[in-house]
């Protein structure tokens, strides 16, 4: 394949990925729309498969939408904040923790009686937004690939459980860290302990954390899909791949 053909295919792949995942087309005058759609997709990743939406009552739905709008604006501002120091892993980690705290703060009206939107949700939202920007090659200049965190979800907890990571357990095909599913992690320190484990894993194989997470997530997603297909076949249910 010539360089010209490769470039054309890469461009087509990028356009297809952006439209399929973010329901928009990339062009100079709609960059903000693309970022908004990336944040919306990352939000769905953080809430659709976890406990958040199941805990939101009709009475809280308006507050939830208001919090979402406020948090979306905040995350965009934080990611593109040129005044913040993210020049080292330590400074990036501090920024990450503060930003997750600010995201949760947007949900004070939702969390007034009990913790519904948690650090588990906040980290997944922020980390997936950064992961999508990384995949597109659109990270801000001061956010380096090697500093990115791994989005924590059930696939990553399953991988850590397979590796017998301390504190990770499984019950009825649900995976927990210190007794909490990923979306119910309410302590940032618990979340960060998981990051340390993943950093050690990535370091051992010479990869960045986000590279390692991406590979492990795909591996576990394939295994889970095959396991589900097998269970359905055993029950006589046809399964389409």
C-alpha atoms as a PDB file:
ATOM      1  CA  UNK A   1       0.000   0.000   0.000  1.00  0.00           C
ATOM      2  CA  UNK A   2       1.358   3.422  -0.977  1.00  0.00           C
ATOM      3  CA  UNK A   3       1.604   6.289   1.507  1.00  0.00           C
ATOM      4  CA  UNK A   4      -1.170   8.059  -0.381  1.00  0.00           C
ATOM      5  CA  UNK A   5      -3.496   5.049  -0.111  1.00  0.00           C
ATOM      6  CA  UNK A   6      -2.660   4.651   3.576  1.00  0.00           C
ATOM      7  CA  UNK A   7      -3.429   8.311   4.237  1.00  0.00           C
ATOM      8  CA  UNK A   8      -6.751   8.056   2.399  1.00  0.00           C
ATOM      9  CA  UNK A   9      -7.748   4.954   4.341  1.00  0.00           C
ATOM     10  CA  UNK A  10      -6.680   6.527   7.641  1.00  0.00           C
ATOM     11  CA  UNK A  11      -8.785   9.600   6.858  1.00  0.00           C
ATOM     12  CA  UNK A  12     -11.787   7.429   5.959  1.00  0.00           C
ATOM     13  CA  UNK A  13     -11.349   5.365   9.133  1.00  0.00           C
ATOM     14  CA  UNK A  14     -11.189   8.512  11.254  1.00  0.00           C
ATOM     15  CA  UNK A  15     -14.314   9.973   9.624  1.00  0.00           C
ATOM     16  CA  UNK A  16     -16.196   6.691  10.071  1.00  0.00           C
ATOM     17  CA  UNK A  17     -15.114   6.392  13.721  1.00  0.00           C
ATOM     18  CA  UNK A  18     -16.154   9.965  14.490  1.00  0.00           C
ATOM     19  CA  UNK A  19     -19.560   9.600  12.864  1.00  0.00           C
ATOM     20  CA  UNK A  20     -20.272   6.126  14.256  1.00  0.00           C
ATOM     21  CA  UNK A  21     -19.274   6.993  17.818  1.00  0.00           C
ATOM     22  CA  UNK A  22     -20.002  10.699  18.067  1.00  0.00           C
ATOM     23  CA  UNK A  23     -22.726  11.242  15.443  1.00  0.00           C
ATOM     24  CA  UNK A  24     -21.022  14.189  13.800  1.00  0.00           C
ATOM     25  CA  UNK A  25     -18.522  15.059  11.103  1.00  0.00           C
ATOM     26  CA  UNK A  26     -15.179  16.649  11.801  1.00  0.00           C
ATOM     27  CA  UNK A  27     -14.555  20.046  10.254  1.00  0.00           C
ATOM     28  CA  UNK A  28     -12.928  23.300  11.293  1.00  0.00           C
ATOM     29  CA  UNK A  29     -16.112  25.144  12.208  1.00  0.00           C
ATOM     30  CA  UNK A  30     -17.665  22.425  14.403  1.00  0.00           C
ATOM     31  CA  UNK A  31     -14.793  21.382  16.688  1.00  0.00           C
ATOM     32  CA  UNK A  32     -16.824  22.372  19.748  1.00  0.00           C
ATOM     33  CA  UNK A  33     -19.696  20.188  18.534  1.00  0.00           C
ATOM     34  CA  UNK A  34     -17.313  17.245  18.258  1.00  0.00           C
ATOM     35  CA  UNK A  35     -16.022  17.822  21.800  1.00  0.00           C
ATOM     36  CA  UNK A  36     -19.595  18.123  23.100  1.00  0.00           C
ATOM     37  CA  UNK A  37     -20.494  14.821  21.451  1.00  0.00           C
ATOM     38  CA  UNK A  38     -17.355  13.164  22.823  1.00  0.00           C
ATOM     39  CA  UNK A  39     -18.354  14.287  26.313  1.00  0.00           C
ATOM     40  CA  UNK A  40     -21.895  13.013  25.766  1.00  0.00           C
ATOM     41  CA  UNK A  41     -20.617   9.599  24.646  1.00  0.00           C
ATOM     42  CA  UNK A  42     -18.232   9.473  27.615  1.00  0.00           C
ATOM     43  CA  UNK A  43     -21.122  10.396  29.931  1.00  0.00           C
ATOM     44  CA  UNK A  44     -23.196   7.523  28.569  1.00  0.00           C
ATOM     45  CA  UNK A  45     -20.236   5.212  29.148  1.00  0.00           C
ATOM     46  CA  UNK A  46     -20.114   6.443  32.746  1.00  0.00           C
ATOM     47  CA  UNK A  47     -23.806   6.132  33.552  1.00  0.00           C
ATOM     48  CA  UNK A  48     -25.696   3.805  31.201  1.00  0.00           C
ATOM     49  CA  UNK A  49     -24.028   0.567  32.341  1.00  0.00           C
ATOM     50  CA  UNK A  50     -23.637   1.443  36.020  1.00  0.00           C
ATOM     51  CA  UNK A  51     -26.017   2.031  38.890  1.00  0.00           C
ATOM     52  CA  UNK A  52     -26.555   5.754  38.294  1.00  0.00           C
ATOM     53  CA  UNK A  53     -29.576   5.740  35.977  1.00  0.00           C
ATOM     54  CA  UNK A  54     -31.320   3.006  37.958  1.00  0.00           C
ATOM     55  CA  UNK A  55     -31.121   5.205  41.066  1.00  0.00           C
ATOM     56  CA  UNK A  56     -32.467   8.365  39.425  1.00  0.00           C
ATOM     57  CA  UNK A  57     -36.138   8.858  40.226  1.00  0.00           C
ATOM     58  CA  UNK A  58     -38.532  10.926  38.117  1.00  0.00           C
ATOM     59  CA  UNK A  59     -38.297  13.649  40.750  1.00  0.00           C
ATOM     60  CA  UNK A  60     -34.524  13.863  40.247  1.00  0.00           C
ATOM     61  CA  UNK A  61     -34.468  13.676  36.441  1.00  0.00           C
ATOM     62  CA  UNK A  62     -34.561  17.465  35.945  1.00  0.00           C
ATOM     63  CA  UNK A  63     -31.798  17.951  38.507  1.00  0.00           C
ATOM     64  CA  UNK A  64     -29.782  15.210  36.817  1.00  0.00           C
ATOM     65  CA  UNK A  65     -30.027  16.919  33.420  1.00  0.00           C
ATOM     66  CA  UNK A  66     -29.094  20.278  34.920  1.00  0.00           C
ATOM     67  CA  UNK A  67     -26.105  18.659  36.629  1.00  0.00           C
ATOM     68  CA  UNK A  68     -25.091  16.993  33.352  1.00  0.00           C
ATOM     69  CA  UNK A  69     -25.107  20.343  31.509  1.00  0.00           C
ATOM     70  CA  UNK A  70     -23.111  22.003  34.269  1.00  0.00           C
ATOM     71  CA  UNK A  71     -20.597  19.150  34.460  1.00  0.00           C
ATOM     72  CA  UNK A  72     -20.163  19.000  30.674  1.00  0.00           C
ATOM     73  CA  UNK A  73     -19.206  22.666  30.602  1.00  0.00           C
ATOM     74  CA  UNK A  74     -16.873  22.139  33.552  1.00  0.00           C
ATOM     75  CA  UNK A  75     -15.100  19.123  32.018  1.00  0.00           C
ATOM     76  CA  UNK A  76     -14.539  20.903  28.724  1.00  0.00           C
ATOM     77  CA  UNK A  77     -13.127  23.895  30.570  1.00  0.00           C
ATOM     78  CA  UNK A  78     -10.862  21.709  32.692  1.00  0.00           C
ATOM     79  CA  UNK A  79      -9.505  19.650  29.799  1.00  0.00           C
ATOM     80  CA  UNK A  80      -8.629  22.783  27.842  1.00  0.00           C
ATOM     81  CA  UNK A  81      -7.477  24.811  30.856  1.00  0.00           C
ATOM     82  CA  UNK A  82      -4.132  26.285  29.804  1.00  0.00           C
ATOM     83  CA  UNK A  83      -3.419  27.708  33.256  1.00  0.00           C
ATOM     84  CA  UNK A  84      -3.332  24.414  35.142  1.00  0.00           C
ATOM     85  CA  UNK A  85      -0.063  22.542  35.715  1.00  0.00           C
ATOM     86  CA  UNK A  86      -0.070  19.019  34.237  1.00  0.00           C
ATOM     87  CA  UNK A  87       3.628  18.844  33.381  1.00  0.00           C
ATOM     88  CA  UNK A  88       4.362  15.765  35.521  1.00  0.00           C
ATOM     89  CA  UNK A  89       2.513  12.602  36.469  1.00  0.00           C
ATOM     90  CA  UNK A  90       2.093  13.913  40.004  1.00  0.00           C
ATOM     91  CA  UNK A  91       0.627  17.229  38.867  1.00  0.00           C
ATOM     92  CA  UNK A  92      -1.656  15.461  36.371  1.00  0.00           C
ATOM     93  CA  UNK A  93      -2.876  13.132  39.127  1.00  0.00           C
ATOM     94  CA  UNK A  94      -3.643  16.093  41.392  1.00  0.00           C
ATOM     95  CA  UNK A  95      -5.530  17.810  38.564  1.00  0.00           C
ATOM     96  CA  UNK A  96      -7.443  14.591  37.884  1.00  0.00           C
ATOM     97  CA  UNK A  97      -8.521  14.216  41.515  1.00  0.00           C
ATOM     98  CA  UNK A  98      -9.607  17.854  41.771  1.00  0.00           C
ATOM     99  CA  UNK A  99     -11.518  17.642  38.497  1.00  0.00           C
ATOM    100  CA  UNK A 100     -13.374  14.499  39.586  1.00  0.00           C
ATOM    101  CA  UNK A 101     -14.288  16.294  42.811  1.00  0.00           C
ATOM    102  CA  UNK A 102     -15.605  19.256  40.842  1.00  0.00           C
ATOM    103  CA  UNK A 103     -17.665  16.953  38.618  1.00  0.00           C
ATOM    104  CA  UNK A 104     -19.260  15.373  41.678  1.00  0.00           C
ATOM    105  CA  UNK A 105     -19.890  18.872  43.025  1.00  0.00           C
ATOM    106  CA  UNK A 106     -22.086  19.547  39.999  1.00  0.00           C
ATOM    107  CA  UNK A 107     -24.344  16.754  41.270  1.00  0.00           C
ATOM    108  CA  UNK A 108     -24.933  18.162  44.763  1.00  0.00           C
ATOM    109  CA  UNK A 109     -28.639  18.504  43.994  1.00  0.00           C
ATOM    110  CA  UNK A 110     -28.814  14.872  42.908  1.00  0.00           C
ATOM    111  CA  UNK A 111     -26.691  13.600  45.790  1.00  0.00           C
ATOM    112  CA  UNK A 112     -28.495  15.595  48.489  1.00  0.00           C
ATOM    113  CA  UNK A 113     -29.928  12.564  50.302  1.00  0.00           C
ATOM    114  CA  UNK A 114     -27.504   9.815  49.286  1.00  0.00           C
ATOM    115  CA  UNK A 115     -24.479   9.346  47.056  1.00  0.00           C
ATOM    116  CA  UNK A 116     -25.823   8.528  43.596  1.00  0.00           C
ATOM    117  CA  UNK A 117     -23.240  10.110  41.289  1.00  0.00           C
ATOM    118  CA  UNK A 118     -19.909   8.839  42.624  1.00  0.00           C
ATOM    119  CA  UNK A 119     -16.173   8.993  42.001  1.00  0.00           C
ATOM    120  CA  UNK A 120     -16.726   5.800  40.021  1.00  0.00           C
ATOM    121  CA  UNK A 121     -18.977   7.715  37.616  1.00  0.00           C
ATOM    122  CA  UNK A 122     -16.791  10.823  37.571  1.00  0.00           C
ATOM    123  CA  UNK A 123     -13.562   8.967  36.769  1.00  0.00           C
ATOM    124  CA  UNK A 124     -15.226   6.996  33.978  1.00  0.00           C
ATOM    125  CA  UNK A 125     -16.625  10.172  32.417  1.00  0.00           C
ATOM    126  CA  UNK A 126     -13.354  12.098  32.554  1.00  0.00           C
ATOM    127  CA  UNK A 127     -11.161   9.137  31.612  1.00  0.00           C
ATOM    128  CA  UNK A 128     -13.303   8.100  28.648  1.00  0.00           C
ATOM    129  CA  UNK A 129     -13.369  11.675  27.330  1.00  0.00           C
ATOM    130  CA  UNK A 130      -9.572  11.751  27.497  1.00  0.00           C
ATOM    131  CA  UNK A 131      -9.347   8.279  25.947  1.00  0.00           C
ATOM    132  CA  UNK A 132     -11.476   9.332  22.976  1.00  0.00           C
ATOM    133  CA  UNK A 133      -9.329  12.427  22.487  1.00  0.00           C
ATOM    134  CA  UNK A 134      -6.242  10.211  22.645  1.00  0.00           C
ATOM    135  CA  UNK A 135      -7.667   7.828  20.030  1.00  0.00           C
ATOM    136  CA  UNK A 136      -8.331  10.804  17.762  1.00  0.00           C
ATOM    137  CA  UNK A 137      -4.896  12.308  18.404  1.00  0.00           C
ATOM    138  CA  UNK A 138      -6.584  15.432  19.781  1.00  0.00           C
ATOM    139  CA  UNK A 139      -5.324  15.608  23.361  1.00  0.00           C
ATOM    140  CA  UNK A 140      -4.322  19.109  24.508  1.00  0.00           C
ATOM    141  CA  UNK A 141      -0.568  19.613  24.165  1.00  0.00           C
ATOM    142  CA  UNK A 142       0.057  19.501  27.906  1.00  0.00           C
ATOM    143  CA  UNK A 143      -1.790  16.211  28.463  1.00  0.00           C
ATOM    144  CA  UNK A 144       0.576  13.431  27.480  1.00  0.00           C
ATOM    145  CA  UNK A 145      -0.487   9.887  26.655  1.00  0.00           C
ATOM    146  CA  UNK A 146       1.776   8.390  29.305  1.00  0.00           C
ATOM    147  CA  UNK A 147      -0.039  10.301  32.070  1.00  0.00           C
ATOM    148  CA  UNK A 148      -3.569   9.189  31.224  1.00  0.00           C
ATOM    149  CA  UNK A 149      -5.493   7.040  33.671  1.00  0.00           C
ATOM    150  CA  UNK A 150      -7.300   3.814  32.842  1.00  0.00           C
ATOM    151  CA  UNK A 151     -11.098   4.107  32.875  1.00  0.00           C
ATOM    152  CA  UNK A 152     -12.240   1.706  35.596  1.00  0.00           C
ATOM    153  CA  UNK A 153     -15.260  -0.447  34.754  1.00  0.00           C
ATOM    154  CA  UNK A 154     -16.438  -4.033  35.102  1.00  0.00           C
ATOM    155  CA  UNK A 155     -14.182  -5.282  32.295  1.00  0.00           C
ATOM    156  CA  UNK A 156     -11.075  -3.905  33.971  1.00  0.00           C
ATOM    157  CA  UNK A 157     -12.174  -5.208  37.368  1.00  0.00           C
ATOM    158  CA  UNK A 158     -12.722  -8.613  35.760  1.00  0.00           C
ATOM    159  CA  UNK A 159      -9.189  -8.555  34.362  1.00  0.00           C
ATOM    160  CA  UNK A 160      -7.793  -7.594  37.761  1.00  0.00           C
ATOM    161  CA  UNK A 161      -9.855 -10.357  39.382  1.00  0.00           C
ATOM    162  CA  UNK A 162      -8.390 -12.857  36.915  1.00  0.00           C
ATOM    163  CA  UNK A 163      -4.951 -11.662  38.022  1.00  0.00           C
ATOM    164  CA  UNK A 164      -5.976 -12.079  41.679  1.00  0.00           C
ATOM    165  CA  UNK A 165      -5.485  -8.390  42.448  1.00  0.00           C
ATOM    166  CA  UNK A 166      -5.956  -7.610  46.118  1.00  0.00           C
ATOM    167  CA  UNK A 167      -9.413  -6.340  47.039  1.00  0.00           C
ATOM    168  CA  UNK A 168     -11.093  -7.401  43.779  1.00  0.00           C
ATOM    169  CA  UNK A 169     -13.876  -9.962  44.178  1.00  0.00           C
ATOM    170  CA  UNK A 170     -16.611 -11.525  42.072  1.00  0.00           C
ATOM    171  CA  UNK A 171     -20.160 -12.572  42.893  1.00  0.00           C
ATOM    172  CA  UNK A 172     -22.794 -13.678  40.372  1.00  0.00           C
ATOM    173  CA  UNK A 173     -20.686 -12.397  37.448  1.00  0.00           C
ATOM    174  CA  UNK A 174     -20.410  -8.939  39.001  1.00  0.00           C
ATOM    175  CA  UNK A 175     -16.982  -7.630  39.956  1.00  0.00           C
ATOM    176  CA  UNK A 176     -16.206  -5.512  42.984  1.00  0.00           C
ATOM    177  CA  UNK A 177     -13.362  -3.590  44.548  1.00  0.00           C
ATOM    178  CA  UNK A 178     -13.510  -3.456  48.337  1.00  0.00           C
ATOM    179  CA  UNK A 179     -17.145  -4.499  48.130  1.00  0.00           C
ATOM    180  CA  UNK A 180     -18.215  -1.900  45.544  1.00  0.00           C
ATOM    181  CA  UNK A 181     -18.946  -2.239  41.853  1.00  0.00           C
ATOM    182  CA  UNK A 182     -17.031   0.318  39.783  1.00  0.00           C
ATOM    183  CA  UNK A 183     -19.951   2.760  39.620  1.00  0.00           C
ATOM    184  CA  UNK A 184     -20.325   2.756  43.400  1.00  0.00           C
ATOM    185  CA  UNK A 185     -16.714   3.577  44.235  1.00  0.00           C
ATOM    186  CA  UNK A 186     -17.153   6.593  46.501  1.00  0.00           C
ATOM    187  CA  UNK A 187     -13.559   7.090  47.667  1.00  0.00           C
ATOM    188  CA  UNK A 188     -11.007   8.545  45.245  1.00  0.00           C
ATOM    189  CA  UNK A 189      -8.216   6.762  47.126  1.00  0.00           C
ATOM    190  CA  UNK A 190      -9.815   3.406  46.304  1.00  0.00           C
ATOM    191  CA  UNK A 191      -9.975   4.402  42.648  1.00  0.00           C
ATOM    192  CA  UNK A 192      -6.359   5.540  42.685  1.00  0.00           C
ATOM    193  CA  UNK A 193      -5.222   2.281  44.301  1.00  0.00           C
ATOM    194  CA  UNK A 194      -6.563   0.512  41.208  1.00  0.00           C
ATOM    195  CA  UNK A 195      -4.630   2.917  38.981  1.00  0.00           C
ATOM    196  CA  UNK A 196      -1.423   1.967  40.784  1.00  0.00           C
ATOM    197  CA  UNK A 197      -2.047  -1.713  40.080  1.00  0.00           C
ATOM    198  CA  UNK A 198      -2.677  -1.012  36.389  1.00  0.00           C
ATOM    199  CA  UNK A 199       0.422   1.185  36.195  1.00  0.00           C
ATOM    200  CA  UNK A 200       2.526  -1.682  37.487  1.00  0.00           C
ATOM    201  CA  UNK A 201       0.961  -4.011  34.899  1.00  0.00           C
ATOM    202  CA  UNK A 202       1.662  -1.568  32.076  1.00  0.00           C
ATOM    203  CA  UNK A 203       5.216  -0.911  33.229  1.00  0.00           C
ATOM    204  CA  UNK A 204       6.025  -4.623  33.209  1.00  0.00           C
ATOM    205  CA  UNK A 205       5.193  -4.894  29.500  1.00  0.00           C
ATOM    206  CA  UNK A 206       6.556  -1.500  28.444  1.00  0.00           C
ATOM    207  CA  UNK A 207       3.212   0.096  27.605  1.00  0.00           C
ATOM    208  CA  UNK A 208       1.430   3.233  28.694  1.00  0.00           C
ATOM    209  CA  UNK A 209      -1.520   2.779  31.040  1.00  0.00           C
ATOM    210  CA  UNK A 210      -4.049   3.766  28.381  1.00  0.00           C
ATOM    211  CA  UNK A 211      -2.505   1.354  25.862  1.00  0.00           C
ATOM    212  CA  UNK A 212      -2.646  -1.443  28.412  1.00  0.00           C
ATOM    213  CA  UNK A 213      -6.219  -0.618  29.380  1.00  0.00           C
ATOM    214  CA  UNK A 214      -7.310  -0.533  25.745  1.00  0.00           C
ATOM    215  CA  UNK A 215      -5.874  -3.980  25.056  1.00  0.00           C
ATOM    216  CA  UNK A 216      -7.197  -5.518  28.278  1.00  0.00           C
ATOM    217  CA  UNK A 217     -10.657  -4.002  27.787  1.00  0.00           C
ATOM    218  CA  UNK A 218     -10.965  -5.469  24.293  1.00  0.00           C
ATOM    219  CA  UNK A 219      -9.693  -8.847  25.513  1.00  0.00           C
ATOM    220  CA  UNK A 220     -12.242  -8.991  28.332  1.00  0.00           C
ATOM    221  CA  UNK A 221     -15.085  -7.739  26.110  1.00  0.00           C
ATOM    222  CA  UNK A 222     -14.401 -10.554  23.628  1.00  0.00           C
ATOM    223  CA  UNK A 223     -14.255 -13.164  26.399  1.00  0.00           C
ATOM    224  CA  UNK A 224     -17.478 -11.904  27.945  1.00  0.00           C
ATOM    225  CA  UNK A 225     -19.255 -11.918  24.588  1.00  0.00           C
ATOM    226  CA  UNK A 226     -18.132 -15.501  23.935  1.00  0.00           C
ATOM    227  CA  UNK A 227     -19.198 -16.542  27.428  1.00  0.00           C
ATOM    228  CA  UNK A 228     -22.635 -15.000  26.904  1.00  0.00           C
ATOM    229  CA  UNK A 229     -22.958 -16.695  23.514  1.00  0.00           C
ATOM    230  CA  UNK A 230     -22.070 -20.041  25.086  1.00  0.00           C
ATOM    231  CA  UNK A 231     -24.635 -19.607  27.869  1.00  0.00           C
ATOM    232  CA  UNK A 232     -27.331 -18.732  25.347  1.00  0.00           C
ATOM    233  CA  UNK A 233     -26.443 -21.703  23.177  1.00  0.00           C
ATOM    234  CA  UNK A 234     -26.670 -23.977  26.214  1.00  0.00           C
ATOM    235  CA  UNK A 235     -30.179 -22.626  26.802  1.00  0.00           C
ATOM    236  CA  UNK A 236     -31.097 -23.083  23.149  1.00  0.00           C
ATOM    237  CA  UNK A 237     -31.176 -19.364  22.387  1.00  0.00           C
ATOM    238  CA  UNK A 238     -29.719 -18.290  19.064  1.00  0.00           C
ATOM    239  CA  UNK A 239     -27.011 -15.659  19.378  1.00  0.00           C
ATOM    240  CA  UNK A 240     -25.989 -13.336  16.586  1.00  0.00           C
ATOM    241  CA  UNK A 241     -22.444 -11.982  16.547  1.00  0.00           C
END
